[in-house]
Amino acid sequence: MTVNDQNKRRNLETQVSNVEEIVQSSWVYKCFERGQLDVLVGHDEQVDKETLERLVKVGLWCIQDEPARRPSIKCVLLMLEGITDLATPPSPTSTC
């Protein structure tokens, strides 16, 4: 029995053109910076671009390496609901 069997996890099999796509936070941030969020969804999926951008921004804020940079759950909810302004997040791995 392997560790994957014990934890009921599946191996992630990916076909990527660039190794950096495996580190998803860095890849998502680069797509965000370049304005290429459409790369993050399947070709046959239709999504609202503004909603996708808001969700990506909130996600990037929530995975900051420095815990002090991460928003509280209350702020996350306000951001998701569009009640509060959503600033551009720094790179998840950037340091100050």
PDB file of N, CA and C in Angstrom:
ATOM      1  N   MET A   1       0.847  -1.177   0.000  1.00  0.00           N
ATOM      2  CA  MET A   1       0.000   0.000   0.000  1.00  0.00           C
ATOM      3  C   MET A   1       0.893   1.241   0.000  1.00  0.00           C
ATOM      4  N   THR A   2       0.605   2.142  -0.874  1.00  0.00           N
ATOM      5  CA  THR A   2       1.404   3.358  -0.948  1.00  0.00           C
ATOM      6  C   THR A   2       0.784   4.450  -0.085  1.00  0.00           C
ATOM      7  N   VAL A   3       1.544   5.499   0.124  1.00  0.00           N
ATOM      8  CA  VAL A   3       1.035   6.640   0.891  1.00  0.00           C
ATOM      9  C   VAL A   3      -0.211   7.199   0.216  1.00  0.00           C
ATOM     10  N   ASN A   4      -0.207   7.240  -1.100  1.00  0.00           N
ATOM     11  CA  ASN A   4      -1.373   7.748  -1.825  1.00  0.00           C
ATOM     12  C   ASN A   4      -2.604   6.893  -1.554  1.00  0.00           C
ATOM     13  N   ASP A   5      -2.412   5.563  -1.453  1.00  0.00           N
ATOM     14  CA  ASP A   5      -3.537   4.678  -1.157  1.00  0.00           C
ATOM     15  C   ASP A   5      -4.065   4.917   0.253  1.00  0.00           C
ATOM     16  N   GLN A   6      -3.161   5.101   1.203  1.00  0.00           N
ATOM     17  CA  GLN A   6      -3.566   5.309   2.586  1.00  0.00           C
ATOM     18  C   GLN A   6      -4.335   6.612   2.759  1.00  0.00           C
ATOM     19  N   ASN A   7      -3.927   7.637   2.069  1.00  0.00           N
ATOM     20  CA  ASN A   7      -4.571   8.941   2.209  1.00  0.00           C
ATOM     21  C   ASN A   7      -5.711   9.147   1.227  1.00  0.00           C
ATOM     22  N   LYS A   8      -5.976   8.164   0.388  1.00  0.00           N
ATOM     23  CA  LYS A   8      -7.037   8.245  -0.617  1.00  0.00           C
ATOM     24  C   LYS A   8      -6.844   9.415  -1.572  1.00  0.00           C
ATOM     25  N   ARG A   9      -5.606   9.732  -1.855  1.00  0.00           N
ATOM     26  CA  ARG A   9      -5.290  10.801  -2.798  1.00  0.00           C
ATOM     27  C   ARG A   9      -4.887  10.196  -4.132  1.00  0.00           C
ATOM     28  N   ARG A  10      -5.204  10.914  -5.176  1.00  0.00           N
ATOM     29  CA  ARG A  10      -4.792  10.482  -6.497  1.00  0.00           C
ATOM     30  C   ARG A  10      -3.554  11.254  -6.905  1.00  0.00           C
ATOM     31  N   ASN A  11      -2.726  10.599  -7.674  1.00  0.00           N
ATOM     32  CA  ASN A  11      -1.587  11.305  -8.243  1.00  0.00           C
ATOM     33  C   ASN A  11      -2.103  12.305  -9.257  1.00  0.00           C
ATOM     34  N   LEU A  12      -1.459  13.435  -9.315  1.00  0.00           N
ATOM     35  CA  LEU A  12      -1.823  14.452 -10.276  1.00  0.00           C
ATOM     36  C   LEU A  12      -1.021  14.234 -11.545  1.00  0.00           C
ATOM     37  N   GLU A  13      -1.702  13.877 -12.595  1.00  0.00           N
ATOM     38  CA  GLU A  13      -1.034  13.692 -13.871  1.00  0.00           C
ATOM     39  C   GLU A  13      -1.316  14.922 -14.713  1.00  0.00           C
ATOM     40  N   THR A  14      -0.266  15.611 -15.096  1.00  0.00           N
ATOM     41  CA  THR A  14      -0.458  16.834 -15.854  1.00  0.00           C
ATOM     42  C   THR A  14       0.322  16.786 -17.150  1.00  0.00           C
ATOM     43  N   GLN A  15      -0.218  17.442 -18.115  1.00  0.00           N
ATOM     44  CA  GLN A  15       0.455  17.644 -19.382  1.00  0.00           C
ATOM     45  C   GLN A  15       0.678  19.155 -19.476  1.00  0.00           C
ATOM     46  N   VAL A  16       1.851  19.600 -19.128  1.00  0.00           N
ATOM     47  CA  VAL A  16       2.131  21.032 -19.142  1.00  0.00           C
ATOM     48  C   VAL A  16       3.223  21.331 -20.153  1.00  0.00           C
ATOM     49  N   SER A  17       3.113  22.510 -20.734  1.00  0.00           N
ATOM     50  CA  SER A  17       4.132  22.908 -21.696  1.00  0.00           C
ATOM     51  C   SER A  17       5.310  23.576 -20.995  1.00  0.00           C
ATOM     52  N   ASN A  18       5.099  23.986 -19.752  1.00  0.00           N
ATOM     53  CA  ASN A  18       6.123  24.697 -19.012  1.00  0.00           C
ATOM     54  C   ASN A  18       6.124  24.176 -17.581  1.00  0.00           C
ATOM     55  N   VAL A  19       7.269  23.811 -17.056  1.00  0.00           N
ATOM     56  CA  VAL A  19       7.382  23.256 -15.708  1.00  0.00           C
ATOM     57  C   VAL A  19       6.826  24.217 -14.662  1.00  0.00           C
ATOM     58  N   GLU A  20       6.922  25.520 -14.897  1.00  0.00           N
ATOM     59  CA  GLU A  20       6.454  26.493 -13.911  1.00  0.00           C
ATOM     60  C   GLU A  20       4.947  26.392 -13.689  1.00  0.00           C
ATOM     61  N   GLU A  21       4.213  25.783 -14.618  1.00  0.00           N
ATOM     62  CA  GLU A  21       2.776  25.605 -14.447  1.00  0.00           C
ATOM     63  C   GLU A  21       2.457  24.645 -13.308  1.00  0.00           C
ATOM     64  N   ILE A  22       3.414  23.818 -12.908  1.00  0.00           N
ATOM     65  CA  ILE A  22       3.190  22.871 -11.828  1.00  0.00           C
ATOM     66  C   ILE A  22       3.076  23.603 -10.494  1.00  0.00           C
ATOM     67  N   VAL A  23       3.845  24.642 -10.285  1.00  0.00           N
ATOM     68  CA  VAL A  23       3.715  25.475  -9.095  1.00  0.00           C
ATOM     69  C   VAL A  23       2.581  26.450  -9.410  1.00  0.00           C
ATOM     70  N   GLN A  24       1.387  26.040  -9.079  1.00  0.00           N
ATOM     71  CA  GLN A  24       0.210  26.739  -9.558  1.00  0.00           C
ATOM     72  C   GLN A  24       0.111  28.184  -9.090  1.00  0.00           C
ATOM     73  N   SER A  25       0.528  28.485  -7.879  1.00  0.00           N
ATOM     74  CA  SER A  25       0.408  29.870  -7.409  1.00  0.00           C
ATOM     75  C   SER A  25       1.247  30.818  -8.251  1.00  0.00           C
ATOM     76  N   SER A  26       2.450  30.405  -8.597  1.00  0.00           N
ATOM     77  CA  SER A  26       3.305  31.254  -9.437  1.00  0.00           C
ATOM     78  C   SER A  26       2.734  31.384 -10.839  1.00  0.00           C
ATOM     79  N   TRP A  27       2.255  30.277 -11.368  1.00  0.00           N
ATOM     80  CA  TRP A  27       1.680  30.279 -12.710  1.00  0.00           C
ATOM     81  C   TRP A  27       0.422  31.154 -12.774  1.00  0.00           C
ATOM     82  N   VAL A  28      -0.462  31.005 -11.782  1.00  0.00           N
ATOM     83  CA  VAL A  28      -1.686  31.812 -11.743  1.00  0.00           C
ATOM     84  C   VAL A  28      -1.334  33.290 -11.627  1.00  0.00           C
ATOM     85  N   TYR A  29      -0.348  33.616 -10.789  1.00  0.00           N
ATOM     86  CA  TYR A  29       0.023  35.024 -10.629  1.00  0.00           C
ATOM     87  C   TYR A  29       0.558  35.592 -11.948  1.00  0.00           C
ATOM     88  N   LYS A  30       1.360  34.813 -12.641  1.00  0.00           N
ATOM     89  CA  LYS A  30       1.896  35.292 -13.924  1.00  0.00           C
ATOM     90  C   LYS A  30       0.784  35.476 -14.950  1.00  0.00           C
ATOM     91  N   CYS A  31      -0.181  34.568 -14.975  1.00  0.00           N
ATOM     92  CA  CYS A  31      -1.333  34.732 -15.871  1.00  0.00           C
ATOM     93  C   CYS A  31      -2.111  35.986 -15.496  1.00  0.00           C
ATOM     94  N   PHE A  32      -2.263  36.233 -14.203  1.00  0.00           N
ATOM     95  CA  PHE A  32      -2.964  37.427 -13.713  1.00  0.00           C
ATOM     96  C   PHE A  32      -2.231  38.690 -14.153  1.00  0.00           C
ATOM     97  N   GLU A  33      -0.921  38.716 -13.940  1.00  0.00           N
ATOM     98  CA  GLU A  33      -0.120  39.881 -14.323  1.00  0.00           C
ATOM     99  C   GLU A  33      -0.221  40.182 -15.817  1.00  0.00           C
ATOM    100  N   ARG A  34      -0.244  39.140 -16.613  1.00  0.00           N
ATOM    101  CA  ARG A  34      -0.262  39.294 -18.075  1.00  0.00           C
ATOM    102  C   ARG A  34      -1.663  39.519 -18.633  1.00  0.00           C
ATOM    103  N   GLY A  35      -2.680  39.453 -17.766  1.00  0.00           N
ATOM    104  CA  GLY A  35      -4.050  39.607 -18.234  1.00  0.00           C
ATOM    105  C   GLY A  35      -4.521  38.416 -19.048  1.00  0.00           C
ATOM    106  N   GLN A  36      -4.007  37.236 -18.721  1.00  0.00           N
ATOM    107  CA  GLN A  36      -4.334  36.018 -19.468  1.00  0.00           C
ATOM    108  C   GLN A  36      -5.077  35.008 -18.600  1.00  0.00           C
ATOM    109  N   LEU A  37      -6.080  35.470 -17.876  1.00  0.00           N
ATOM    110  CA  LEU A  37      -6.811  34.575 -16.982  1.00  0.00           C
ATOM    111  C   LEU A  37      -7.606  33.515 -17.733  1.00  0.00           C
ATOM    112  N   ASP A  38      -7.888  33.744 -18.990  1.00  0.00           N
ATOM    113  CA  ASP A  38      -8.618  32.764 -19.786  1.00  0.00           C
ATOM    114  C   ASP A  38      -7.845  31.450 -19.900  1.00  0.00           C
ATOM    115  N   VAL A  39      -6.532  31.501 -19.710  1.00  0.00           N
ATOM    116  CA  VAL A  39      -5.702  30.297 -19.755  1.00  0.00           C
ATOM    117  C   VAL A  39      -6.044  29.368 -18.588  1.00  0.00           C
ATOM    118  N   LEU A  40      -6.577  29.925 -17.510  1.00  0.00           N
ATOM    119  CA  LEU A  40      -6.844  29.155 -16.297  1.00  0.00           C
ATOM    120  C   LEU A  40      -8.101  28.305 -16.374  1.00  0.00           C
ATOM    121  N   VAL A  41      -8.959  28.573 -17.338  1.00  0.00           N
ATOM    122  CA  VAL A  41     -10.204  27.813 -17.459  1.00  0.00           C
ATOM    123  C   VAL A  41     -10.181  27.000 -18.748  1.00  0.00           C
ATOM    124  N   GLY A  42     -10.979  25.976 -18.776  1.00  0.00           N
ATOM    125  CA  GLY A  42     -11.046  25.137 -19.967  1.00  0.00           C
ATOM    126  C   GLY A  42     -11.548  25.898 -21.174  1.00  0.00           C
ATOM    127  N   HIS A  43     -11.152  25.432 -22.335  1.00  0.00           N
ATOM    128  CA  HIS A  43     -11.524  26.101 -23.583  1.00  0.00           C
ATOM    129  C   HIS A  43     -13.029  26.079 -23.822  1.00  0.00           C
ATOM    130  N   ASP A  44     -13.700  25.060 -23.332  1.00  0.00           N
ATOM    131  CA  ASP A  44     -15.133  24.945 -23.562  1.00  0.00           C
ATOM    132  C   ASP A  44     -15.974  25.570 -22.447  1.00  0.00           C
ATOM    133  N   GLU A  45     -15.330  26.153 -21.451  1.00  0.00           N
ATOM    134  CA  GLU A  45     -16.052  26.766 -20.344  1.00  0.00           C
ATOM    135  C   GLU A  45     -16.242  28.256 -20.576  1.00  0.00           C
ATOM    136  N   GLN A  46     -17.428  28.734 -20.261  1.00  0.00           N
ATOM    137  CA  GLN A  46     -17.710  30.153 -20.368  1.00  0.00           C
ATOM    138  C   GLN A  46     -17.789  30.722 -18.957  1.00  0.00           C
ATOM    139  N   VAL A  47     -16.993  31.741 -18.712  1.00  0.00           N
ATOM    140  CA  VAL A  47     -16.974  32.370 -17.399  1.00  0.00           C
ATOM    141  C   VAL A  47     -17.065  33.879 -17.556  1.00  0.00           C
ATOM    142  N   ASP A  48     -17.594  34.513 -16.533  1.00  0.00           N
ATOM    143  CA  ASP A  48     -17.626  35.965 -16.497  1.00  0.00           C
ATOM    144  C   ASP A  48     -16.230  36.453 -16.136  1.00  0.00           C
ATOM    145  N   LYS A  49     -15.630  37.258 -16.999  1.00  0.00           N
ATOM    146  CA  LYS A  49     -14.234  37.694 -16.817  1.00  0.00           C
ATOM    147  C   LYS A  49     -14.045  38.470 -15.512  1.00  0.00           C
ATOM    148  N   GLU A  50     -15.004  39.334 -15.156  1.00  0.00           N
ATOM    149  CA  GLU A  50     -14.878  40.116 -13.916  1.00  0.00           C
ATOM    150  C   GLU A  50     -14.928  39.217 -12.688  1.00  0.00           C
ATOM    151  N   THR A  51     -15.818  38.239 -12.714  1.00  0.00           N
ATOM    152  CA  THR A  51     -15.919  37.296 -11.596  1.00  0.00           C
ATOM    153  C   THR A  51     -14.650  36.476 -11.474  1.00  0.00           C
ATOM    154  N   LEU A  52     -14.142  35.997 -12.607  1.00  0.00           N
ATOM    155  CA  LEU A  52     -12.903  35.221 -12.591  1.00  0.00           C
ATOM    156  C   LEU A  52     -11.759  36.054 -12.025  1.00  0.00           C
ATOM    157  N   GLU A  53     -11.643  37.299 -12.456  1.00  0.00           N
ATOM    158  CA  GLU A  53     -10.566  38.150 -11.955  1.00  0.00           C
ATOM    159  C   GLU A  53     -10.702  38.377 -10.446  1.00  0.00           C
ATOM    160  N   ARG A  54     -11.925  38.598  -9.980  1.00  0.00           N
ATOM    161  CA  ARG A  54     -12.140  38.808  -8.538  1.00  0.00           C
ATOM    162  C   ARG A  54     -11.763  37.554  -7.757  1.00  0.00           C
ATOM    163  N   LEU A  55     -12.176  36.386  -8.243  1.00  0.00           N
ATOM    164  CA  LEU A  55     -11.858  35.136  -7.546  1.00  0.00           C
ATOM    165  C   LEU A  55     -10.353  34.876  -7.511  1.00  0.00           C
ATOM    166  N   VAL A  56      -9.677  35.158  -8.622  1.00  0.00           N
ATOM    167  CA  VAL A  56      -8.220  34.968  -8.665  1.00  0.00           C
ATOM    168  C   VAL A  56      -7.540  35.931  -7.703  1.00  0.00           C
ATOM    169  N   LYS A  57      -7.967  37.189  -7.684  1.00  0.00           N
ATOM    170  CA  LYS A  57      -7.356  38.166  -6.763  1.00  0.00           C
ATOM    171  C   LYS A  57      -7.533  37.728  -5.312  1.00  0.00           C
ATOM    172  N   VAL A  58      -8.743  37.328  -4.958  1.00  0.00           N
ATOM    173  CA  VAL A  58      -8.993  36.888  -3.576  1.00  0.00           C
ATOM    174  C   VAL A  58      -8.132  35.670  -3.256  1.00  0.00           C
ATOM    175  N   GLY A  59      -8.080  34.726  -4.173  1.00  0.00           N
ATOM    176  CA  GLY A  59      -7.249  33.536  -3.957  1.00  0.00           C
ATOM    177  C   GLY A  59      -5.788  33.877  -3.762  1.00  0.00           C
ATOM    178  N   LEU A  60      -5.293  34.813  -4.571  1.00  0.00           N
ATOM    179  CA  LEU A  60      -3.885  35.215  -4.448  1.00  0.00           C
ATOM    180  C   LEU A  60      -3.624  35.928  -3.124  1.00  0.00           C
ATOM    181  N   TRP A  61      -4.582  36.703  -2.645  1.00  0.00           N
ATOM    182  CA  TRP A  61      -4.416  37.324  -1.325  1.00  0.00           C
ATOM    183  C   TRP A  61      -4.381  36.253  -0.234  1.00  0.00           C
ATOM    184  N   CYS A  62      -5.199  35.222  -0.369  1.00  0.00           N
ATOM    185  CA  CYS A  62      -5.318  34.200   0.676  1.00  0.00           C
ATOM    186  C   CYS A  62      -4.117  33.267   0.769  1.00  0.00           C
ATOM    187  N   ILE A  63      -3.288  33.205  -0.262  1.00  0.00           N
ATOM    188  CA  ILE A  63      -2.147  32.281  -0.230  1.00  0.00           C
ATOM    189  C   ILE A  63      -0.811  32.991  -0.056  1.00  0.00           C
ATOM    190  N   GLN A  64      -0.845  34.209   0.422  1.00  0.00           N
ATOM    191  CA  GLN A  64       0.402  34.929   0.657  1.00  0.00           C
ATOM    192  C   GLN A  64       1.289  34.145   1.613  1.00  0.00           C
ATOM    193  N   ASP A  65       2.588  34.097   1.320  1.00  0.00           N
ATOM    194  CA  ASP A  65       3.529  33.376   2.185  1.00  0.00           C
ATOM    195  C   ASP A  65       3.598  33.991   3.580  1.00  0.00           C
ATOM    196  N   GLU A  66       3.519  35.294   3.647  1.00  0.00           N
ATOM    197  CA  GLU A  66       3.580  36.002   4.935  1.00  0.00           C
ATOM    198  C   GLU A  66       2.171  36.058   5.529  1.00  0.00           C
ATOM    199  N   PRO A  67       1.926  35.364   6.644  1.00  0.00           N
ATOM    200  CA  PRO A  67       0.584  35.323   7.219  1.00  0.00           C
ATOM    201  C   PRO A  67      -0.029  36.709   7.499  1.00  0.00           C
ATOM    202  N   ALA A  68       0.787  37.673   7.839  1.00  0.00           N
ATOM    203  CA  ALA A  68       0.267  39.010   8.131  1.00  0.00           C
ATOM    204  C   ALA A  68      -0.357  39.673   6.899  1.00  0.00           C
ATOM    205  N   ARG A  69       0.017  39.213   5.714  1.00  0.00           N
ATOM    206  CA  ARG A  69      -0.531  39.777   4.471  1.00  0.00           C
ATOM    207  C   ARG A  69      -1.880  39.172   4.101  1.00  0.00           C
ATOM    208  N   ARG A  70      -2.215  38.033   4.672  1.00  0.00           N
ATOM    209  CA  ARG A  70      -3.457  37.351   4.326  1.00  0.00           C
ATOM    210  C   ARG A  70      -4.651  38.062   4.959  1.00  0.00           C
ATOM    211  N   PRO A  71      -5.748  38.174   4.219  1.00  0.00           N
ATOM    212  CA  PRO A  71      -6.929  38.840   4.779  1.00  0.00           C
ATOM    213  C   PRO A  71      -7.663  37.942   5.768  1.00  0.00           C
ATOM    214  N   SER A  72      -8.413  38.573   6.657  1.00  0.00           N
ATOM    215  CA  SER A  72      -9.260  37.811   7.575  1.00  0.00           C
ATOM    216  C   SER A  72     -10.412  37.216   6.779  1.00  0.00           C
ATOM    217  N   ILE A  73     -11.086  36.238   7.348  1.00  0.00           N
ATOM    218  CA  ILE A  73     -12.208  35.611   6.656  1.00  0.00           C
ATOM    219  C   ILE A  73     -13.316  36.636   6.407  1.00  0.00           C
ATOM    220  N   LYS A  74     -13.475  37.569   7.319  1.00  0.00           N
ATOM    221  CA  LYS A  74     -14.479  38.624   7.128  1.00  0.00           C
ATOM    222  C   LYS A  74     -14.132  39.455   5.886  1.00  0.00           C
ATOM    223  N   CYS A  75     -12.874  39.824   5.751  1.00  0.00           N
ATOM    224  CA  CYS A  75     -12.444  40.589   4.574  1.00  0.00           C
ATOM    225  C   CYS A  75     -12.598  39.772   3.302  1.00  0.00           C
ATOM    226  N   VAL A  76     -12.309  38.476   3.375  1.00  0.00           N
ATOM    227  CA  VAL A  76     -12.457  37.603   2.207  1.00  0.00           C
ATOM    228  C   VAL A  76     -13.912  37.603   1.748  1.00  0.00           C
ATOM    229  N   LEU A  77     -14.833  37.459   2.694  1.00  0.00           N
ATOM    230  CA  LEU A  77     -16.251  37.459   2.342  1.00  0.00           C
ATOM    231  C   LEU A  77     -16.670  38.782   1.719  1.00  0.00           C
ATOM    232  N   LEU A  78     -16.189  39.889   2.278  1.00  0.00           N
ATOM    233  CA  LEU A  78     -16.522  41.200   1.718  1.00  0.00           C
ATOM    234  C   LEU A  78     -15.953  41.356   0.308  1.00  0.00           C
ATOM    235  N   MET A  79     -14.746  40.842   0.093  1.00  0.00           N
ATOM    236  CA  MET A  79     -14.141  40.905  -1.238  1.00  0.00           C
ATOM    237  C   MET A  79     -14.917  40.054  -2.230  1.00  0.00           C
ATOM    238  N   LEU A  80     -15.296  38.847  -1.814  1.00  0.00           N
ATOM    239  CA  LEU A  80     -16.032  37.954  -2.706  1.00  0.00           C
ATOM    240  C   LEU A  80     -17.395  38.519  -3.072  1.00  0.00           C
ATOM    241  N   GLU A  81     -18.028  39.208  -2.126  1.00  0.00           N
ATOM    242  CA  GLU A  81     -19.339  39.793  -2.373  1.00  0.00           C
ATOM    243  C   GLU A  81     -19.256  41.108  -3.139  1.00  0.00           C
ATOM    244  N   GLY A  82     -18.048  41.621  -3.315  1.00  0.00           N
ATOM    245  CA  GLY A  82     -17.878  42.871  -4.040  1.00  0.00           C
ATOM    246  C   GLY A  82     -18.198  44.098  -3.209  1.00  0.00           C
ATOM    247  N   ILE A  83     -18.256  43.943  -1.905  1.00  0.00           N
ATOM    248  CA  ILE A  83     -18.603  45.046  -1.005  1.00  0.00           C
ATOM    249  C   ILE A  83     -17.402  45.945  -0.743  1.00  0.00           C
ATOM    250  N   THR A  84     -16.232  45.373  -0.736  1.00  0.00           N
ATOM    251  CA  THR A  84     -15.019  46.133  -0.475  1.00  0.00           C
ATOM    252  C   THR A  84     -14.140  46.142  -1.725  1.00  0.00           C
ATOM    253  N   ASP A  85     -13.345  47.184  -1.854  1.00  0.00           N
ATOM    254  CA  ASP A  85     -12.420  47.278  -2.981  1.00  0.00           C
ATOM    255  C   ASP A  85     -11.378  46.178  -2.875  1.00  0.00           C
ATOM    256  N   LEU A  86     -10.939  45.738  -4.008  1.00  0.00           N
ATOM    257  CA  LEU A  86      -9.982  44.640  -4.067  1.00  0.00           C
ATOM    258  C   LEU A  86      -8.706  45.125  -4.727  1.00  0.00           C
ATOM    259  N   ALA A  87      -7.689  45.352  -3.911  1.00  0.00           N
ATOM    260  CA  ALA A  87      -6.402  45.821  -4.426  1.00  0.00           C
ATOM    261  C   ALA A  87      -5.687  44.683  -5.152  1.00  0.00           C
ATOM    262  N   THR A  88      -4.775  45.051  -6.006  1.00  0.00           N
ATOM    263  CA  THR A  88      -3.966  44.058  -6.704  1.00  0.00           C
ATOM    264  C   THR A  88      -3.060  43.362  -5.689  1.00  0.00           C
ATOM    265  N   PRO A  89      -3.115  42.046  -5.630  1.00  0.00           N
ATOM    266  CA  PRO A  89      -2.292  41.329  -4.658  1.00  0.00           C
ATOM    267  C   PRO A  89      -0.829  41.280  -5.097  1.00  0.00           C
ATOM    268  N   PRO A  90       0.080  41.258  -4.124  1.00  0.00           N
ATOM    269  CA  PRO A  90       1.479  41.043  -4.470  1.00  0.00           C
ATOM    270  C   PRO A  90       1.692  39.577  -4.851  1.00  0.00           C
ATOM    271  N   SER A  91       2.817  39.294  -5.451  1.00  0.00           N
ATOM    272  CA  SER A  91       3.139  37.912  -5.758  1.00  0.00           C
ATOM    273  C   SER A  91       3.114  37.111  -4.468  1.00  0.00           C
ATOM    274  N   PRO A  92       2.517  35.925  -4.474  1.00  0.00           N
ATOM    275  CA  PRO A  92       2.427  35.124  -3.239  1.00  0.00           C
ATOM    276  C   PRO A  92       3.768  34.841  -2.585  1.00  0.00           C
ATOM    277  N   THR A  93       4.843  34.818  -3.359  1.00  0.00           N
ATOM    278  CA  THR A  93       6.146  34.482  -2.787  1.00  0.00           C
ATOM    279  C   THR A  93       7.057  35.689  -2.645  1.00  0.00           C
ATOM    280  N   SER A  94       6.534  36.903  -2.885  1.00  0.00           N
ATOM    281  CA  SER A  94       7.386  38.077  -2.751  1.00  0.00           C
ATOM    282  C   SER A  94       7.638  38.388  -1.294  1.00  0.00           C
ATOM    283  N   THR A  95       8.764  38.984  -1.024  1.00  0.00           N
ATOM    284  CA  THR A  95       9.112  39.337   0.346  1.00  0.00           C
ATOM    285  C   THR A  95       9.280  40.836   0.457  1.00  0.00           C
ATOM    286  N   CYS A  96       8.992  41.351   1.642  1.00  0.00           N
ATOM    287  CA  CYS A  96       9.133  42.785   1.906  1.00  0.00           C
ATOM    288  C   CYS A  96      10.261  43.020   2.861  1.00  0.00           C
TER     289      CYS A  96
END
